[in-house]
Amino acid sequence: MKACILSDSHDHIPLLDAAVAQAKELGVEAVLHCGDIVAPSTLRCLKKHELPVHFIHGNNSGDLYVLTTMAAQADNQFHYHGMDAGVTLAGKRIFLVHYPHYARAMAATGDWDLVCCGHSHELTIEQVTNAKGGSTPLVNPGTIGGVGRAPATWILADLEAMDFQPQQVPKLIEQGYSELAG
């Protein structure tokens, strides 16, 4: 199973939409968003992709009531987990949290097959030595919102192979968004 791991969309709808469209073309079956969606309406662009979206709120949480209400609707693809989440996909235990220091601590426990975070807007993929004598992948997909001077990035995760490939929204889309944003 393949998953799209992203974070820090910060209301940048065209970039978020483009990333998930790109991910779906690559065979992704689920989206994991590590926080800072901001306005709940940002997620509406993902409905057409018909993929389950697991998300947490981050430090720019927007309207938590509306996020909860959206996720509670019947036949919904959105799964809101609050501040952090434990999700199982393809038999893998995945922990989502916004903050890298919290993510590193969770990876070090050895209780998770994969830990994902955001917040720093810097894409990183590393192995963290854990307390059980192994290592846990710690993935930060950077910012899909292209915040600051950072490129709009996400991670294509093959959960069976535990392989993580950095992806970038095509420059033309990024530039087009910049022009729209003024």
N, C-alpha and C. Protein backbone atom coordinates (compact mmCIF):
# COMPACT_ATOMS: atom_id res chain seq x y z
N MET A 1 0.84 -1.19 0.00
CA MET A 1 0.00 0.00 0.00
C MET A 1 0.88 1.24 0.00
N LYS A 2 0.47 2.21 -0.81
CA LYS A 2 1.18 3.49 -0.86
C LYS A 2 0.36 4.57 -0.17
N ALA A 3 1.07 5.48 0.50
CA ALA A 3 0.42 6.59 1.18
C ALA A 3 1.12 7.89 0.83
N CYS A 4 0.36 8.96 0.85
CA CYS A 4 0.88 10.32 0.66
C CYS A 4 1.02 10.94 2.04
N ILE A 5 2.25 11.28 2.42
CA ILE A 5 2.49 11.93 3.70
C ILE A 5 2.78 13.40 3.42
N LEU A 6 2.00 14.27 4.04
CA LEU A 6 2.23 15.71 3.84
C LEU A 6 1.92 16.46 5.12
N SER A 7 2.28 17.74 5.13
CA SER A 7 2.09 18.57 6.32
C SER A 7 2.11 20.03 5.93
N ASP A 8 1.68 20.85 6.85
CA ASP A 8 1.83 22.31 6.75
C ASP A 8 1.30 22.87 5.44
N SER A 9 0.02 22.61 5.17
CA SER A 9 -0.59 23.15 3.95
C SER A 9 -0.96 24.62 4.11
N HIS A 10 -1.22 25.07 5.33
CA HIS A 10 -1.45 26.49 5.61
C HIS A 10 -2.39 27.16 4.60
N ASP A 11 -3.50 26.51 4.31
CA ASP A 11 -4.55 27.04 3.43
C ASP A 11 -4.14 27.18 1.96
N HIS A 12 -3.06 26.59 1.54
CA HIS A 12 -2.61 26.68 0.15
C HIS A 12 -3.31 25.58 -0.66
N ILE A 13 -4.56 25.83 -0.98
CA ILE A 13 -5.42 24.83 -1.61
C ILE A 13 -4.87 24.30 -2.93
N PRO A 14 -4.44 25.14 -3.88
CA PRO A 14 -3.95 24.58 -5.16
C PRO A 14 -2.76 23.63 -4.99
N LEU A 15 -1.88 23.93 -4.04
CA LEU A 15 -0.71 23.07 -3.83
C LEU A 15 -1.11 21.75 -3.18
N LEU A 16 -1.99 21.81 -2.19
CA LEU A 16 -2.48 20.59 -1.54
C LEU A 16 -3.21 19.72 -2.55
N ASP A 17 -4.09 20.32 -3.32
CA ASP A 17 -4.85 19.60 -4.34
C ASP A 17 -3.92 18.97 -5.37
N ALA A 18 -2.93 19.71 -5.82
CA ALA A 18 -1.98 19.20 -6.82
C ALA A 18 -1.17 18.03 -6.27
N ALA A 19 -0.76 18.12 -5.02
CA ALA A 19 0.03 17.03 -4.42
C ALA A 19 -0.79 15.75 -4.32
N VAL A 20 -2.03 15.86 -3.88
CA VAL A 20 -2.86 14.65 -3.74
C VAL A 20 -3.24 14.09 -5.11
N ALA A 21 -3.45 14.95 -6.10
CA ALA A 21 -3.70 14.47 -7.46
C ALA A 21 -2.48 13.71 -7.98
N GLN A 22 -1.31 14.28 -7.76
CA GLN A 22 -0.05 13.64 -8.18
C GLN A 22 0.10 12.29 -7.45
N ALA A 23 -0.19 12.27 -6.16
CA ALA A 23 -0.07 11.05 -5.36
C ALA A 23 -1.03 9.97 -5.86
N LYS A 24 -2.24 10.37 -6.16
CA LYS A 24 -3.23 9.39 -6.63
C LYS A 24 -2.78 8.77 -7.95
N GLU A 25 -2.21 9.58 -8.83
CA GLU A 25 -1.67 9.05 -10.10
C GLU A 25 -0.57 8.03 -9.86
N LEU A 26 0.13 8.15 -8.73
CA LEU A 26 1.22 7.23 -8.39
C LEU A 26 0.74 6.03 -7.59
N GLY A 27 -0.58 5.88 -7.44
CA GLY A 27 -1.14 4.71 -6.79
C GLY A 27 -1.38 4.81 -5.30
N VAL A 28 -1.38 6.01 -4.75
CA VAL A 28 -1.61 6.20 -3.32
C VAL A 28 -3.04 5.81 -2.95
N GLU A 29 -3.19 5.17 -1.79
CA GLU A 29 -4.50 4.74 -1.32
C GLU A 29 -4.96 5.48 -0.07
N ALA A 30 -4.09 6.31 0.53
CA ALA A 30 -4.46 7.07 1.73
C ALA A 30 -3.55 8.29 1.85
N VAL A 31 -4.07 9.32 2.52
CA VAL A 31 -3.32 10.55 2.77
C VAL A 31 -3.15 10.71 4.27
N LEU A 32 -1.93 11.04 4.69
CA LEU A 32 -1.62 11.32 6.10
C LEU A 32 -1.15 12.77 6.18
N HIS A 33 -1.90 13.62 6.87
CA HIS A 33 -1.57 15.05 6.98
C HIS A 33 -1.14 15.33 8.42
N CYS A 34 0.09 15.81 8.58
CA CYS A 34 0.70 16.01 9.89
C CYS A 34 0.47 17.40 10.48
N GLY A 35 -0.60 18.04 10.12
CA GLY A 35 -1.00 19.27 10.80
C GLY A 35 -0.73 20.56 10.07
N ASP A 36 -1.32 21.61 10.62
CA ASP A 36 -1.32 22.97 10.09
C ASP A 36 -2.07 23.05 8.76
N ILE A 37 -3.29 22.53 8.81
CA ILE A 37 -4.22 22.70 7.70
C ILE A 37 -4.71 24.14 7.71
N VAL A 38 -5.00 24.65 8.89
CA VAL A 38 -5.54 25.96 9.24
C VAL A 38 -7.05 25.96 9.00
N ALA A 39 -7.56 26.54 7.94
CA ALA A 39 -9.01 26.58 7.72
C ALA A 39 -9.52 25.20 7.31
N PRO A 40 -10.53 24.68 7.99
CA PRO A 40 -11.08 23.37 7.63
C PRO A 40 -11.53 23.29 6.17
N SER A 41 -11.97 24.40 5.62
CA SER A 41 -12.43 24.40 4.22
C SER A 41 -11.32 24.01 3.24
N THR A 42 -10.08 24.13 3.66
CA THR A 42 -8.94 23.75 2.82
C THR A 42 -9.06 22.29 2.37
N LEU A 43 -9.59 21.44 3.25
CA LEU A 43 -9.68 20.01 2.94
C LEU A 43 -10.71 19.67 1.87
N ARG A 44 -11.65 20.56 1.64
CA ARG A 44 -12.73 20.26 0.67
C ARG A 44 -12.19 19.93 -0.72
N CYS A 45 -11.04 20.50 -1.07
CA CYS A 45 -10.47 20.23 -2.40
C CYS A 45 -10.07 18.76 -2.56
N LEU A 46 -9.97 18.02 -1.45
CA LEU A 46 -9.54 16.62 -1.51
C LEU A 46 -10.69 15.64 -1.72
N LYS A 47 -11.92 16.10 -1.56
CA LYS A 47 -13.07 15.19 -1.70
C LYS A 47 -13.08 14.48 -3.04
N LYS A 48 -12.77 15.20 -4.10
CA LYS A 48 -12.85 14.61 -5.45
C LYS A 48 -11.86 13.47 -5.67
N HIS A 49 -10.81 13.38 -4.85
CA HIS A 49 -9.81 12.33 -5.00
C HIS A 49 -10.26 11.01 -4.39
N GLU A 50 -11.30 11.07 -3.54
CA GLU A 50 -11.91 9.88 -2.95
C GLU A 50 -10.90 8.97 -2.25
N LEU A 51 -10.01 9.59 -1.48
CA LEU A 51 -9.04 8.85 -0.68
C LEU A 51 -9.30 9.13 0.79
N PRO A 52 -9.07 8.15 1.67
CA PRO A 52 -9.16 8.46 3.09
C PRO A 52 -8.04 9.44 3.48
N VAL A 53 -8.41 10.45 4.27
CA VAL A 53 -7.45 11.46 4.71
C VAL A 53 -7.43 11.45 6.24
N HIS A 54 -6.29 11.05 6.81
CA HIS A 54 -6.10 11.09 8.26
C HIS A 54 -5.32 12.36 8.57
N PHE A 55 -5.83 13.16 9.53
CA PHE A 55 -5.14 14.41 9.82
C PHE A 55 -5.23 14.78 11.29
N ILE A 56 -4.25 15.60 11.68
CA ILE A 56 -4.18 16.17 13.03
C ILE A 56 -4.13 17.68 12.87
N HIS A 57 -4.22 18.43 13.98
CA HIS A 57 -4.35 19.86 13.80
C HIS A 57 -3.07 20.69 13.81
N GLY A 58 -2.01 20.34 14.49
CA GLY A 58 -0.80 21.17 14.49
C GLY A 58 -0.93 22.40 15.37
N ASN A 59 -0.04 23.37 15.19
CA ASN A 59 -0.09 24.58 16.02
C ASN A 59 -0.89 25.71 15.39
N ASN A 60 -1.17 25.63 14.11
CA ASN A 60 -2.07 26.57 13.43
C ASN A 60 -3.35 25.80 13.15
N SER A 61 -4.14 25.64 14.18
CA SER A 61 -5.22 24.66 14.15
C SER A 61 -6.50 25.13 13.47
N GLY A 62 -6.71 26.41 13.30
CA GLY A 62 -7.95 26.85 12.68
C GLY A 62 -9.14 26.55 13.57
N ASP A 63 -10.25 26.20 13.00
CA ASP A 63 -11.50 25.96 13.73
C ASP A 63 -11.63 24.47 14.05
N LEU A 64 -11.29 24.11 15.28
CA LEU A 64 -11.31 22.70 15.68
C LEU A 64 -12.73 22.13 15.69
N TYR A 65 -13.70 22.96 16.01
CA TYR A 65 -15.10 22.51 16.00
C TYR A 65 -15.50 22.08 14.58
N VAL A 66 -15.18 22.90 13.60
CA VAL A 66 -15.54 22.56 12.21
C VAL A 66 -14.76 21.34 11.73
N LEU A 67 -13.48 21.21 12.10
CA LEU A 67 -12.72 20.01 11.73
C LEU A 67 -13.39 18.76 12.28
N THR A 68 -13.82 18.83 13.55
CA THR A 68 -14.48 17.70 14.18
C THR A 68 -15.81 17.40 13.50
N THR A 69 -16.57 18.44 13.19
CA THR A 69 -17.86 18.28 12.53
C THR A 69 -17.70 17.66 11.15
N MET A 70 -16.71 18.13 10.39
CA MET A 70 -16.45 17.56 9.06
C MET A 70 -16.16 16.07 9.14
N ALA A 71 -15.33 15.70 10.10
CA ALA A 71 -14.91 14.30 10.23
C ALA A 71 -16.05 13.42 10.73
N ALA A 72 -17.04 14.00 11.40
CA ALA A 72 -18.14 13.21 11.96
C ALA A 72 -19.26 12.94 10.95
N GLN A 73 -19.19 13.52 9.78
CA GLN A 73 -20.25 13.31 8.79
C GLN A 73 -20.25 11.87 8.29
N ALA A 74 -21.44 11.36 8.02
CA ALA A 74 -21.58 9.98 7.54
C ALA A 74 -20.90 9.82 6.18
N ASP A 75 -20.40 8.62 5.91
CA ASP A 75 -19.73 8.31 4.64
C ASP A 75 -18.63 9.31 4.33
N ASN A 76 -17.84 9.61 5.32
CA ASN A 76 -16.82 10.64 5.19
C ASN A 76 -15.44 10.03 4.98
N GLN A 77 -14.65 10.65 4.15
CA GLN A 77 -13.28 10.19 3.92
C GLN A 77 -12.29 10.88 4.87
N PHE A 78 -12.75 11.89 5.63
CA PHE A 78 -11.87 12.63 6.52
C PHE A 78 -11.89 12.03 7.92
N HIS A 79 -10.69 11.81 8.47
CA HIS A 79 -10.54 11.22 9.80
C HIS A 79 -9.69 12.16 10.64
N TYR A 80 -10.34 12.94 11.49
CA TYR A 80 -9.65 13.91 12.34
C TYR A 80 -9.30 13.25 13.66
N HIS A 81 -8.02 13.31 14.04
CA HIS A 81 -7.54 12.62 15.23
C HIS A 81 -7.15 13.55 16.37
N GLY A 82 -7.28 14.86 16.19
CA GLY A 82 -6.91 15.79 17.27
C GLY A 82 -5.43 16.15 17.22
N MET A 83 -4.77 16.14 18.36
CA MET A 83 -3.39 16.59 18.49
C MET A 83 -2.37 15.60 17.90
N ASP A 84 -2.67 14.30 17.99
CA ASP A 84 -1.78 13.28 17.44
C ASP A 84 -2.64 12.07 17.09
N ALA A 85 -2.03 11.10 16.42
CA ALA A 85 -2.82 9.95 15.97
C ALA A 85 -1.98 8.70 15.89
N GLY A 86 -2.60 7.60 16.22
CA GLY A 86 -2.07 6.28 15.94
C GLY A 86 -2.98 5.65 14.90
N VAL A 87 -2.44 5.37 13.72
CA VAL A 87 -3.21 4.85 12.60
C VAL A 87 -2.54 3.55 12.14
N THR A 88 -3.35 2.57 11.76
CA THR A 88 -2.79 1.35 11.18
C THR A 88 -3.21 1.27 9.72
N LEU A 89 -2.21 1.20 8.85
CA LEU A 89 -2.42 1.04 7.40
C LEU A 89 -1.48 -0.07 6.93
N ALA A 90 -2.00 -0.95 6.11
CA ALA A 90 -1.19 -2.06 5.55
C ALA A 90 -0.46 -2.82 6.65
N GLY A 91 -1.11 -2.95 7.81
CA GLY A 91 -0.52 -3.67 8.93
C GLY A 91 0.60 -2.92 9.65
N LYS A 92 0.84 -1.69 9.28
CA LYS A 92 1.91 -0.88 9.90
C LYS A 92 1.29 0.09 10.90
N ARG A 93 1.91 0.17 12.07
CA ARG A 93 1.48 1.12 13.10
C ARG A 93 2.18 2.45 12.84
N ILE A 94 1.38 3.48 12.56
CA ILE A 94 1.91 4.79 12.16
C ILE A 94 1.47 5.83 13.17
N PHE A 95 2.42 6.63 13.63
CA PHE A 95 2.11 7.70 14.58
C PHE A 95 2.29 9.04 13.88
N LEU A 96 1.26 9.89 13.97
CA LEU A 96 1.31 11.23 13.40
C LEU A 96 1.32 12.26 14.51
N VAL A 97 2.21 13.21 14.41
CA VAL A 97 2.27 14.32 15.36
C VAL A 97 2.85 15.51 14.61
N HIS A 98 2.57 16.69 15.05
CA HIS A 98 3.05 17.87 14.32
C HIS A 98 4.51 18.20 14.66
N TYR A 99 4.88 18.04 15.90
CA TYR A 99 6.18 18.54 16.37
C TYR A 99 7.32 17.51 16.24
N PRO A 100 8.44 17.91 15.63
CA PRO A 100 9.56 16.97 15.44
C PRO A 100 10.15 16.41 16.74
N HIS A 101 10.23 17.21 17.81
CA HIS A 101 10.81 16.69 19.06
C HIS A 101 9.91 15.60 19.66
N TYR A 102 8.62 15.77 19.58
CA TYR A 102 7.66 14.78 20.05
C TYR A 102 7.75 13.53 19.16
N ALA A 103 7.88 13.73 17.86
CA ALA A 103 8.00 12.62 16.91
C ALA A 103 9.25 11.79 17.20
N ARG A 104 10.36 12.46 17.45
CA ARG A 104 11.62 11.76 17.74
C ARG A 104 11.46 10.90 18.99
N ALA A 105 10.80 11.44 20.01
CA ALA A 105 10.58 10.68 21.25
C ALA A 105 9.71 9.45 20.99
N MET A 106 8.67 9.60 20.18
CA MET A 106 7.79 8.47 19.87
C MET A 106 8.53 7.42 19.03
N ALA A 107 9.36 7.85 18.10
CA ALA A 107 10.15 6.91 17.30
C ALA A 107 11.11 6.13 18.20
N ALA A 108 11.68 6.79 19.19
CA ALA A 108 12.65 6.15 20.09
C ALA A 108 12.03 5.06 20.96
N THR A 109 10.71 5.07 21.13
CA THR A 109 10.08 4.03 21.96
C THR A 109 10.13 2.66 21.29
N GLY A 110 10.13 2.63 19.97
CA GLY A 110 10.07 1.35 19.25
C GLY A 110 8.67 0.77 19.17
N ASP A 111 7.68 1.53 19.60
CA ASP A 111 6.30 1.06 19.58
C ASP A 111 5.60 1.27 18.24
N TRP A 112 6.26 1.98 17.33
CA TRP A 112 5.65 2.34 16.05
C TRP A 112 6.52 1.88 14.90
N ASP A 113 5.88 1.51 13.79
CA ASP A 113 6.62 1.12 12.59
C ASP A 113 7.08 2.34 11.81
N LEU A 114 6.37 3.45 11.98
CA LEU A 114 6.67 4.70 11.28
C LEU A 114 6.14 5.85 12.11
N VAL A 115 6.94 6.92 12.19
CA VAL A 115 6.50 8.15 12.86
C VAL A 115 6.64 9.29 11.86
N CYS A 116 5.58 10.10 11.76
CA CYS A 116 5.56 11.22 10.82
C CYS A 116 5.27 12.51 11.57
N CYS A 117 5.91 13.60 11.11
CA CYS A 117 5.71 14.90 11.75
C CYS A 117 5.79 16.00 10.70
N GLY A 118 5.70 17.23 11.16
CA GLY A 118 5.78 18.40 10.28
C GLY A 118 6.44 19.55 11.02
N HIS A 119 5.85 20.72 10.96
CA HIS A 119 6.19 21.93 11.70
C HIS A 119 7.43 22.69 11.22
N SER A 120 8.51 22.01 10.93
CA SER A 120 9.77 22.69 10.60
C SER A 120 9.82 23.20 9.16
N HIS A 121 8.94 22.69 8.31
CA HIS A 121 8.90 23.01 6.87
C HIS A 121 10.14 22.50 6.14
N GLU A 122 10.85 21.57 6.77
CA GLU A 122 12.05 20.99 6.17
C GLU A 122 11.85 19.49 5.98
N LEU A 123 11.99 19.02 4.76
CA LEU A 123 11.83 17.61 4.46
C LEU A 123 13.01 16.82 5.02
N THR A 124 12.71 15.81 5.84
CA THR A 124 13.76 14.92 6.36
C THR A 124 13.22 13.50 6.43
N ILE A 125 14.09 12.55 6.15
CA ILE A 125 13.79 11.13 6.29
C ILE A 125 14.99 10.53 7.01
N GLU A 126 14.74 9.95 8.18
CA GLU A 126 15.86 9.38 8.94
C GLU A 126 15.41 8.15 9.71
N GLN A 127 16.37 7.38 10.17
CA GLN A 127 16.13 6.23 11.03
C GLN A 127 16.53 6.63 12.45
N VAL A 128 15.64 6.42 13.40
CA VAL A 128 15.91 6.74 14.80
C VAL A 128 16.13 5.43 15.55
N THR A 129 17.26 5.30 16.23
CA THR A 129 17.51 4.13 17.05
C THR A 129 16.47 4.10 18.16
N ASN A 130 15.85 2.92 18.34
CA ASN A 130 14.79 2.85 19.34
C ASN A 130 15.18 1.97 20.53
N ALA A 131 14.36 2.04 21.57
CA ALA A 131 14.62 1.36 22.84
C ALA A 131 14.50 -0.16 22.74
N LYS A 132 13.99 -0.66 21.64
CA LYS A 132 13.82 -2.10 21.48
C LYS A 132 14.93 -2.73 20.65
N GLY A 133 16.00 -1.95 20.41
CA GLY A 133 17.16 -2.48 19.71
C GLY A 133 17.11 -2.37 18.21
N GLY A 134 16.12 -1.72 17.68
CA GLY A 134 16.01 -1.55 16.23
C GLY A 134 16.04 -0.08 15.87
N SER A 135 15.42 0.24 14.76
CA SER A 135 15.31 1.64 14.36
C SER A 135 13.91 1.87 13.79
N THR A 136 13.46 3.11 13.90
CA THR A 136 12.14 3.50 13.44
C THR A 136 12.29 4.64 12.43
N PRO A 137 11.67 4.52 11.26
CA PRO A 137 11.71 5.64 10.32
C PRO A 137 10.96 6.85 10.88
N LEU A 138 11.59 8.00 10.76
CA LEU A 138 11.00 9.28 11.16
C LEU A 138 10.97 10.14 9.90
N VAL A 139 9.75 10.50 9.47
CA VAL A 139 9.56 11.21 8.21
C VAL A 139 8.91 12.55 8.46
N ASN A 140 9.53 13.60 7.94
CA ASN A 140 8.95 14.94 7.93
C ASN A 140 8.87 15.35 6.46
N PRO A 141 7.65 15.48 5.91
CA PRO A 141 7.50 15.77 4.49
C PRO A 141 7.77 17.22 4.09
N GLY A 142 8.14 18.07 5.03
CA GLY A 142 8.33 19.48 4.72
C GLY A 142 6.98 20.19 4.69
N THR A 143 6.83 21.17 3.83
CA THR A 143 5.59 21.93 3.74
C THR A 143 4.96 21.79 2.36
N ILE A 144 3.75 21.24 2.32
CA ILE A 144 3.06 21.16 1.03
C ILE A 144 2.57 22.55 0.63
N GLY A 145 2.46 23.46 1.59
CA GLY A 145 2.02 24.82 1.29
C GLY A 145 3.11 25.71 0.74
N GLY A 146 4.33 25.20 0.63
CA GLY A 146 5.43 26.01 0.12
C GLY A 146 5.66 27.24 0.98
N VAL A 147 5.53 27.08 2.29
CA VAL A 147 5.63 28.20 3.22
C VAL A 147 7.03 28.80 3.21
N GLY A 148 7.08 30.14 3.20
CA GLY A 148 8.37 30.83 3.15
C GLY A 148 9.05 30.56 1.81
N ARG A 149 10.29 30.23 1.86
CA ARG A 149 11.05 29.92 0.64
C ARG A 149 11.14 28.42 0.38
N ALA A 150 10.47 27.64 1.23
CA ALA A 150 10.53 26.18 1.08
C ALA A 150 9.72 25.73 -0.14
N PRO A 151 10.21 24.72 -0.85
CA PRO A 151 9.43 24.18 -1.97
C PRO A 151 8.23 23.40 -1.43
N ALA A 152 7.21 23.21 -2.24
CA ALA A 152 6.02 22.44 -1.87
C ALA A 152 6.34 20.96 -2.02
N THR A 153 6.56 20.27 -0.88
CA THR A 153 7.01 18.88 -0.90
C THR A 153 6.06 17.96 -0.14
N TRP A 154 6.15 16.68 -0.48
CA TRP A 154 5.42 15.62 0.20
C TRP A 154 6.22 14.33 0.04
N ILE A 155 5.79 13.28 0.73
CA ILE A 155 6.50 11.99 0.69
C ILE A 155 5.57 10.92 0.12
N LEU A 156 6.07 10.17 -0.86
CA LEU A 156 5.40 8.98 -1.35
C LEU A 156 5.94 7.81 -0.53
N ALA A 157 5.06 7.21 0.28
CA ALA A 157 5.48 6.12 1.16
C ALA A 157 4.94 4.79 0.65
N ASP A 158 5.83 3.84 0.45
CA ASP A 158 5.44 2.47 0.17
C ASP A 158 5.49 1.76 1.52
N LEU A 159 4.33 1.52 2.12
CA LEU A 159 4.28 1.00 3.48
C LEU A 159 4.70 -0.46 3.59
N GLU A 160 4.55 -1.23 2.53
CA GLU A 160 5.00 -2.62 2.58
C GLU A 160 6.52 -2.69 2.56
N ALA A 161 7.15 -1.92 1.70
CA ALA A 161 8.61 -1.91 1.58
C ALA A 161 9.27 -0.95 2.57
N MET A 162 8.46 -0.11 3.22
CA MET A 162 8.95 0.95 4.12
C MET A 162 9.99 1.80 3.37
N ASP A 163 9.58 2.23 2.20
CA ASP A 163 10.41 3.06 1.33
C ASP A 163 9.73 4.43 1.22
N PHE A 164 10.53 5.50 1.32
CA PHE A 164 10.00 6.86 1.36
C PHE A 164 10.70 7.72 0.31
N GLN A 165 9.90 8.20 -0.65
CA GLN A 165 10.45 8.98 -1.76
C GLN A 165 9.95 10.42 -1.70
N PRO A 166 10.86 11.39 -1.56
CA PRO A 166 10.46 12.80 -1.58
C PRO A 166 9.87 13.18 -2.94
N GLN A 167 8.84 13.99 -2.90
CA GLN A 167 8.17 14.47 -4.11
C GLN A 167 8.02 15.98 -4.00
N GLN A 168 7.93 16.64 -5.14
CA GLN A 168 7.72 18.08 -5.15
C GLN A 168 6.61 18.41 -6.14
N VAL A 169 5.73 19.35 -5.72
CA VAL A 169 4.69 19.81 -6.63
C VAL A 169 5.40 20.49 -7.79
N PRO A 170 4.98 20.21 -9.02
CA PRO A 170 5.64 20.82 -10.17
C PRO A 170 5.74 22.34 -10.05
N LYS A 171 6.88 22.87 -10.47
CA LYS A 171 7.16 24.31 -10.37
C LYS A 171 6.08 25.18 -11.01
N LEU A 172 5.52 24.73 -12.13
CA LEU A 172 4.51 25.54 -12.80
C LEU A 172 3.30 25.78 -11.90
N ILE A 173 2.92 24.76 -11.14
CA ILE A 173 1.79 24.91 -10.22
C ILE A 173 2.18 25.84 -9.09
N GLU A 174 3.38 25.64 -8.53
CA GLU A 174 3.87 26.52 -7.45
C GLU A 174 3.90 27.97 -7.92
N GLN A 175 4.45 28.20 -9.10
CA GLN A 175 4.55 29.57 -9.61
C GLN A 175 3.17 30.15 -9.86
N GLY A 176 2.27 29.34 -10.41
CA GLY A 176 0.90 29.79 -10.65
C GLY A 176 0.22 30.18 -9.35
N TYR A 177 0.46 29.41 -8.30
CA TYR A 177 -0.13 29.75 -7.01
C TYR A 177 0.44 31.06 -6.50
N SER A 178 1.75 31.23 -6.62
CA SER A 178 2.40 32.48 -6.16
C SER A 178 1.81 33.69 -6.86
N GLU A 179 1.54 33.54 -8.15
CA GLU A 179 0.95 34.65 -8.90
C GLU A 179 -0.46 34.95 -8.43
N LEU A 180 -1.23 33.89 -8.12
CA LEU A 180 -2.60 34.08 -7.62
C LEU A 180 -2.60 34.73 -6.25
N ALA A 181 -1.61 34.36 -5.43
CA ALA A 181 -1.53 34.90 -4.06
C ALA A 181 -1.07 36.34 -4.05
N GLY A 182 -0.50 36.78 -5.16
CA GLY A 182 -0.15 38.18 -5.31
C GLY A 182 1.17 38.54 -4.82
